[in-house]
Structure formats: structure tokens, C-alpha cells
Protein backbone atom coordinates (compact mmCIF):
# COMPACT_ATOMS: atom_id res chain seq x y z
CA UNK A 1 45.45 -7.54 86.16
CA UNK A 2 43.49 -8.57 83.08
CA UNK A 3 43.77 -6.24 80.10
CA UNK A 4 40.89 -6.49 77.64
CA UNK A 5 40.99 -4.50 74.40
CA UNK A 6 39.88 -5.24 70.85
CA UNK A 7 42.14 -5.54 67.78
CA UNK A 8 42.75 -2.17 66.08
CA UNK A 9 42.23 -3.58 62.58
CA UNK A 10 38.99 -2.52 60.94
CA UNK A 11 36.15 -5.06 61.29
CA UNK A 12 38.20 -7.39 63.50
CA UNK A 13 36.34 -8.37 66.66
CA UNK A 14 39.07 -10.55 68.20
CA UNK A 15 40.74 -9.60 71.49
CA UNK A 16 44.09 -7.84 71.26
CA UNK A 17 47.15 -9.82 72.34
CA UNK A 18 49.99 -7.60 71.10
CA UNK A 19 50.85 -3.92 70.70
CA UNK A 20 52.51 -2.45 67.61
CA UNK A 21 54.48 0.78 67.79
CA UNK A 22 56.38 2.51 64.98
CA UNK A 23 59.70 4.26 65.63
CA UNK A 24 59.75 6.52 62.61
CA UNK A 25 63.23 7.97 63.25
CA UNK A 26 64.73 4.46 63.20
CA UNK A 27 62.39 3.05 60.51
CA UNK A 28 61.48 0.24 62.89
CA UNK A 29 58.18 -1.41 63.81
CA UNK A 30 58.16 -2.92 67.32
CA UNK A 31 55.65 -5.68 68.11
CA UNK A 32 55.43 -6.86 71.69
CA UNK A 33 53.07 -7.98 74.45
CA UNK A 34 49.85 -6.04 74.93
CA UNK A 35 50.73 -2.70 76.51
CA UNK A 36 49.37 -1.88 79.94
CA UNK A 37 47.83 1.37 78.67
CA UNK A 38 46.25 2.12 75.29
CA UNK A 39 48.48 4.78 73.75
CA UNK A 40 47.19 7.03 70.95
CA UNK A 41 50.08 6.22 68.55
CA UNK A 42 50.21 2.47 69.02
CA UNK A 43 48.02 -0.29 67.66
CA UNK A 44 46.62 -3.30 69.51
CA UNK A 45 46.55 -6.44 67.39
CA UNK A 46 44.96 -9.88 67.72
CA UNK A 47 47.09 -13.02 67.34
CA UNK A 48 46.33 -13.43 63.62
CA UNK A 49 47.14 -9.84 62.68
CA UNK A 50 50.29 -9.87 64.85
CA UNK A 51 51.56 -13.00 63.06
CA UNK A 52 50.82 -11.56 59.58
CA UNK A 53 52.43 -8.17 60.31
CA UNK A 54 54.66 -6.73 57.62
CA UNK A 55 56.49 -3.41 57.73
CA UNK A 56 57.01 -0.86 54.96
CA UNK A 57 59.83 -1.60 52.51
CA UNK A 58 63.22 -0.79 54.05
CA UNK A 59 61.91 -0.95 57.62
CA UNK A 60 62.90 -3.45 60.30
CA UNK A 61 60.46 -5.39 62.49
CA UNK A 62 61.45 -6.10 66.08
CA UNK A 63 59.33 -8.81 67.73
CA UNK A 64 59.55 -8.89 71.52
CA UNK A 65 58.90 -12.15 73.36
CA UNK A 66 55.25 -12.54 74.31
CA UNK A 67 55.67 -13.18 78.04
CA UNK A 68 53.13 -13.28 80.85
CA UNK A 69 53.89 -9.81 82.25
CA UNK A 70 53.74 -6.78 79.91
CA UNK A 71 56.86 -4.58 80.06
CA UNK A 72 56.96 -0.88 80.89
CA UNK A 73 55.86 0.36 77.46
CA UNK A 74 58.26 3.16 76.56
CA UNK A 75 61.28 1.60 78.23
CA UNK A 76 60.64 -1.74 76.48
CA UNK A 77 60.35 0.02 73.15
CA UNK A 78 63.59 1.93 73.66
CA UNK A 79 65.43 -1.20 74.78
CA UNK A 80 64.14 -3.22 71.82
CA UNK A 81 65.30 -0.59 69.33
CA UNK A 82 68.68 -0.24 71.08
CA UNK A 83 69.21 -4.04 71.10
CA UNK A 84 68.19 -4.25 67.45
CA UNK A 85 70.64 -1.48 66.51
CA UNK A 86 73.40 -3.18 68.53
CA UNK A 87 72.85 -6.41 66.58
CA UNK A 88 73.11 -4.40 63.34
CA UNK A 89 76.28 -2.74 64.68
CA UNK A 90 74.89 0.81 64.94
CA UNK A 91 75.47 1.38 68.67
CA UNK A 92 77.38 -1.53 70.11
CA UNK A 93 78.03 -1.21 73.82
CA UNK A 94 75.40 1.46 74.49
CA UNK A 95 74.21 1.79 78.09
CA UNK A 96 70.74 0.38 78.89
CA UNK A 97 67.89 2.91 79.15
CA UNK A 98 65.95 1.23 81.99
CA UNK A 99 66.38 3.08 85.32
CA UNK A 100 66.56 1.15 88.56
CA UNK A 101 63.01 0.01 89.41
CA UNK A 102 63.00 1.79 92.78
CA UNK A 103 64.56 5.01 91.47
CA UNK A 104 61.42 6.60 89.94
CA UNK A 105 57.84 7.18 91.08
CA UNK A 106 54.83 8.08 88.94
CA UNK A 107 53.37 11.26 90.43
CA UNK A 108 50.88 12.32 87.80
CA UNK A 109 49.15 11.40 84.57
CA UNK A 110 47.38 13.33 81.84
CA UNK A 111 46.12 11.35 78.88
CA UNK A 112 48.93 9.15 77.59
CA UNK A 113 51.68 11.16 79.33
CA UNK A 114 53.11 10.20 82.72
CA UNK A 115 55.05 12.46 85.06
CA UNK A 116 57.89 10.66 86.86
CA UNK A 117 60.07 11.85 89.72
CA UNK A 118 63.42 10.45 90.82
CA UNK A 119 63.37 9.22 94.40
């Protein structure tokens, strides 16, 4: 599936290759592969803007590997923040957030929200 969106930066006409999401509670900016869906509180960035990304003073930047297949957006974000906190020593040994792939089914969608049901 080819995802084609434009960079969110003003006046940039390059195609987006990465998605930036801020986790305000953790003061963390997460930059990863282009998300499957355009979310209202995330920013799609081209290669140049992704490389030049800086976060506000006192914030951490988590850069996920830019693989072929985009991850499940919210789960990838949560895992990246949890791994980052574990490296810093905040929550060492915390259980992973990703449910078993076959344990949930998407049954509805409204805007950027998805309704999931356990199987």
C-alpha cells in the first residue's frame, strides 16, 4: 500500500516520509516511519525536515527506525516512549503494551478514532 502525503511544514512541497508525534505528558517527541493514517495531532515530515528536527529545551527526541512497513501508530508510540523511559531508568521491566496481533479486531472508525474489540 503506497501512502502519499505532503510535508506538514509551511511551503514545503516534498513528500512526507516520517511522522512526528508529541507526548506532552512525557515531554517527548517521537519521530518514526510515515503513519498509515493522517492523525490530527501528528505531523508528517519530509526527509530534510525529519533530519533537522529539534525538540523544545528539556524534551527528549525518540527516533524510531525507518523500516519498510509502518507500525501500528499508537502502539508504536507507546512502545517507543516506554523503551526510552526504560533506558533512562524510569520504568525498567515494564510489560510491553502491544496486544497479541490476533487478539483484537477493528470494528469501527470515526475520524481518527478506532473502535477495537477483543476476540
